[in-house]
């Protein structure tokens, strides 16, 4: 039981890292699009 909880914890940490990276990429993409539209 404890091992399963620990595995879930590490999976959540990895998932959160992925979500944060996706969020950063989408923000960068949005700012790039805004710059392109401004020109």
PDB file of N, CA and C in Angstrom:
ATOM      1  N   UNK A   1       0.842  -1.210   0.000  1.00  0.00           N
ATOM      2  CA  UNK A   1       0.000   0.000   0.000  1.00  0.00           C
ATOM      3  C   UNK A   1       0.876   1.258   0.000  1.00  0.00           C
ATOM      4  N   UNK A   2       1.832   1.316   0.918  1.00  0.00           N
ATOM      5  CA  UNK A   2       2.707   2.494   0.998  1.00  0.00           C
ATOM      6  C   UNK A   2       3.508   2.645  -0.289  1.00  0.00           C
ATOM      7  N   UNK A   3       3.980   1.507  -0.828  1.00  0.00           N
ATOM      8  CA  UNK A   3       4.762   1.564  -2.070  1.00  0.00           C
ATOM      9  C   UNK A   3       3.909   2.137  -3.196  1.00  0.00           C
ATOM     10  N   UNK A   4       2.656   1.703  -3.277  1.00  0.00           N
ATOM     11  CA  UNK A   4       1.757   2.200  -4.324  1.00  0.00           C
ATOM     12  C   UNK A   4       1.552   3.703  -4.177  1.00  0.00           C
ATOM     13  N   UNK A   5       1.406   4.168  -2.944  1.00  0.00           N
ATOM     14  CA  UNK A   5       1.238   5.603  -2.711  1.00  0.00           C
ATOM     15  C   UNK A   5       2.478   6.365  -3.148  1.00  0.00           C
ATOM     16  N   UNK A   6       3.651   5.802  -2.834  1.00  0.00           N
ATOM     17  CA  UNK A   6       4.894   6.468  -3.240  1.00  0.00           C
ATOM     18  C   UNK A   6       5.006   6.524  -4.750  1.00  0.00           C
ATOM     19  N   UNK A   7       4.652   5.429  -5.431  1.00  0.00           N
ATOM     20  CA  UNK A   7       4.696   5.415  -6.893  1.00  0.00           C
ATOM     21  C   UNK A   7       3.753   6.473  -7.447  1.00  0.00           C
ATOM     22  N   UNK A   8       2.558   6.564  -6.886  1.00  0.00           N
ATOM     23  CA  UNK A   8       1.602   7.574  -7.326  1.00  0.00           C
ATOM     24  C   UNK A   8       2.147   8.974  -7.113  1.00  0.00           C
ATOM     25  N   UNK A   9       2.850   9.185  -5.997  1.00  0.00           N
ATOM     26  CA  UNK A   9       3.431  10.494  -5.705  1.00  0.00           C
ATOM     27  C   UNK A   9       4.455  10.875  -6.762  1.00  0.00           C
ATOM     28  N   UNK A  10       5.336   9.926  -7.101  1.00  0.00           N
ATOM     29  CA  UNK A  10       6.359  10.229  -8.105  1.00  0.00           C
ATOM     30  C   UNK A  10       5.726  10.442  -9.471  1.00  0.00           C
ATOM     31  N   UNK A  11       4.685   9.662  -9.798  1.00  0.00           N
ATOM     32  CA  UNK A  11       3.999   9.855 -11.075  1.00  0.00           C
ATOM     33  C   UNK A  11       3.372  11.240 -11.119  1.00  0.00           C
ATOM     34  N   UNK A  12       2.795  11.678  -9.999  1.00  0.00           N
ATOM     35  CA  UNK A  12       2.198  13.013  -9.948  1.00  0.00           C
ATOM     36  C   UNK A  12       3.251  14.091 -10.136  1.00  0.00           C
ATOM     37  N   UNK A  13       4.420  13.904  -9.520  1.00  0.00           N
ATOM     38  CA  UNK A  13       5.492  14.894  -9.675  1.00  0.00           C
ATOM     39  C   UNK A  13       5.908  14.996 -11.135  1.00  0.00           C
ATOM     40  N   UNK A  14       6.059  13.846 -11.800  1.00  0.00           N
ATOM     41  CA  UNK A  14       6.437  13.845 -13.211  1.00  0.00           C
ATOM     42  C   UNK A  14       5.349  14.499 -14.046  1.00  0.00           C
ATOM     43  N   UNK A  15       4.092  14.172 -13.757  1.00  0.00           N
ATOM     44  CA  UNK A  15       2.975  14.747 -14.506  1.00  0.00           C
ATOM     45  C   UNK A  15       2.938  16.256 -14.321  1.00  0.00           C
ATOM     46  N   UNK A  16       3.174  16.722 -13.095  1.00  0.00           N
ATOM     47  CA  UNK A  16       3.176  18.161 -12.837  1.00  0.00           C
ATOM     48  C   UNK A  16       4.304  18.854 -13.580  1.00  0.00           C
ATOM     49  N   UNK A  17       5.474  18.208 -13.638  1.00  0.00           N
ATOM     50  CA  UNK A  17       6.593  18.789 -14.388  1.00  0.00           C
ATOM     51  C   UNK A  17       6.223  18.912 -15.858  1.00  0.00           C
ATOM     52  N   UNK A  18       5.601  17.858 -16.398  1.00  0.00           N
ATOM     53  CA  UNK A  18       5.186  17.880 -17.803  1.00  0.00           C
ATOM     54  C   UNK A  18       4.175  18.990 -18.042  1.00  0.00           C
ATOM     55  N   UNK A  19       3.186  19.100 -17.150  1.00  0.00           N
ATOM     56  CA  UNK A  19       2.164  20.134 -17.312  1.00  0.00           C
ATOM     57  C   UNK A  19       2.788  21.518 -17.261  1.00  0.00           C
ATOM     58  N   UNK A  20       3.735  21.725 -16.355  1.00  0.00           N
ATOM     59  CA  UNK A  20       4.403  23.023 -16.260  1.00  0.00           C
ATOM     60  C   UNK A  20       5.178  23.334 -17.526  1.00  0.00           C
ATOM     61  N   UNK A  21       5.855  22.320 -18.086  1.00  0.00           N
ATOM     62  CA  UNK A  21       6.610  22.539 -19.317  1.00  0.00           C
ATOM     63  C   UNK A  21       5.675  22.863 -20.469  1.00  0.00           C
ATOM     64  N   UNK A  22       4.551  22.139 -20.548  1.00  0.00           N
ATOM     65  CA  UNK A  22       3.570  22.408 -21.603  1.00  0.00           C
ATOM     66  C   UNK A  22       3.036  23.826 -21.456  1.00  0.00           C
ATOM     67  N   UNK A  23       2.779  24.241 -20.216  1.00  0.00           N
ATOM     68  CA  UNK A  23       2.282  25.590 -19.946  1.00  0.00           C
ATOM     69  C   UNK A  23       3.290  26.633 -20.411  1.00  0.00           C
ATOM     70  N   UNK A  24       4.561  26.426 -20.089  1.00  0.00           N
ATOM     71  CA  UNK A  24       5.616  27.357 -20.513  1.00  0.00           C
ATOM     72  C   UNK A  24       5.685  27.439 -22.027  1.00  0.00           C
ATOM     73  N   UNK A  25       5.638  26.279 -22.696  1.00  0.00           N
ATOM     74  CA  UNK A  25       5.719  26.252 -24.157  1.00  0.00           C
ATOM     75  C   UNK A  25       4.536  26.995 -24.767  1.00  0.00           C
ATOM     76  N   UNK A  26       3.337  26.786 -24.215  1.00  0.00           N
ATOM     77  CA  UNK A  26       2.165  27.463 -24.773  1.00  0.00           C
ATOM     78  C   UNK A  26       2.253  28.970 -24.562  1.00  0.00           C
ATOM     79  N   UNK A  27       2.799  29.409 -23.422  1.00  0.00           N
ATOM     80  CA  UNK A  27       2.978  30.847 -23.182  1.00  0.00           C
ATOM     81  C   UNK A  27       3.961  31.427 -24.193  1.00  0.00           C
ATOM     82  N   UNK A  28       5.074  30.721 -24.422  1.00  0.00           N
ATOM     83  CA  UNK A  28       6.064  31.188 -25.384  1.00  0.00           C
ATOM     84  C   UNK A  28       5.456  31.249 -26.782  1.00  0.00           C
ATOM     85  N   UNK A  29       4.666  30.236 -27.119  1.00  0.00           N
ATOM     86  CA  UNK A  29       4.024  30.199 -28.435  1.00  0.00           C
ATOM     87  C   UNK A  29       3.069  31.373 -28.593  1.00  0.00           C
ATOM     88  N   UNK A  30       2.289  31.651 -27.550  1.00  0.00           N
ATOM     89  CA  UNK A  30       1.344  32.767 -27.612  1.00  0.00           C
ATOM     90  C   UNK A  30       2.077  34.091 -27.799  1.00  0.00           C
ATOM     91  N   UNK A  31       3.173  34.297 -27.081  1.00  0.00           N
ATOM     92  CA  UNK A  31       3.910  35.558 -27.212  1.00  0.00           C
ATOM     93  C   UNK A  31       4.538  35.661 -28.597  1.00  0.00           C
ATOM     94  N   UNK A  32       4.991  34.542 -29.157  1.00  0.00           N
ATOM     95  CA  UNK A  32       5.533  34.549 -30.519  1.00  0.00           C
ATOM     96  C   UNK A  32       4.455  34.942 -31.518  1.00  0.00           C
ATOM     97  N   UNK A  33       3.260  34.362 -31.355  1.00  0.00           N
ATOM     98  CA  UNK A  33       2.154  34.672 -32.269  1.00  0.00           C
ATOM     99  C   UNK A  33       1.797  36.151 -32.169  1.00  0.00           C
ATOM    100  N   UNK A  34       1.770  36.681 -30.948  1.00  0.00           N
ATOM    101  CA  UNK A  34       1.461  38.104 -30.769  1.00  0.00           C
ATOM    102  C   UNK A  34       2.499  38.973 -31.467  1.00  0.00           C
ATOM    103  N   UNK A  35       3.780  38.604 -31.341  1.00  0.00           N
ATOM    104  CA  UNK A  35       4.841  39.372 -32.001  1.00  0.00           C
ATOM    105  C   UNK A  35       4.675  39.322 -33.512  1.00  0.00           C
ATOM    106  N   UNK A  36       4.355  38.143 -34.038  1.00  0.00           N
ATOM    107  CA  UNK A  36       4.171  38.002 -35.487  1.00  0.00           C
ATOM    108  C   UNK A  36       2.978  38.827 -35.959  1.00  0.00           C
ATOM    109  N   UNK A  37       1.900  38.819 -35.180  1.00  0.00           N
ATOM    110  CA  UNK A  37       0.710  39.579 -35.560  1.00  0.00           C
ATOM    111  C   UNK A  37       0.952  41.078 -35.485  1.00  0.00           C
ATOM    112  N   UNK A  38       1.852  41.503 -34.597  1.00  0.00           N
ATOM    113  CA  UNK A  38       2.131  42.931 -34.436  1.00  0.00           C
ATOM    114  C   UNK A  38       2.891  43.483 -35.638  1.00  0.00           C
ATOM    115  N   UNK A  39       3.667  42.633 -36.304  1.00  0.00           N
ATOM    116  CA  UNK A  39       4.480  43.110 -37.432  1.00  0.00           C
ATOM    117  C   UNK A  39       3.655  43.349 -38.688  1.00  0.00           C
TER     118      UNK A  39
END
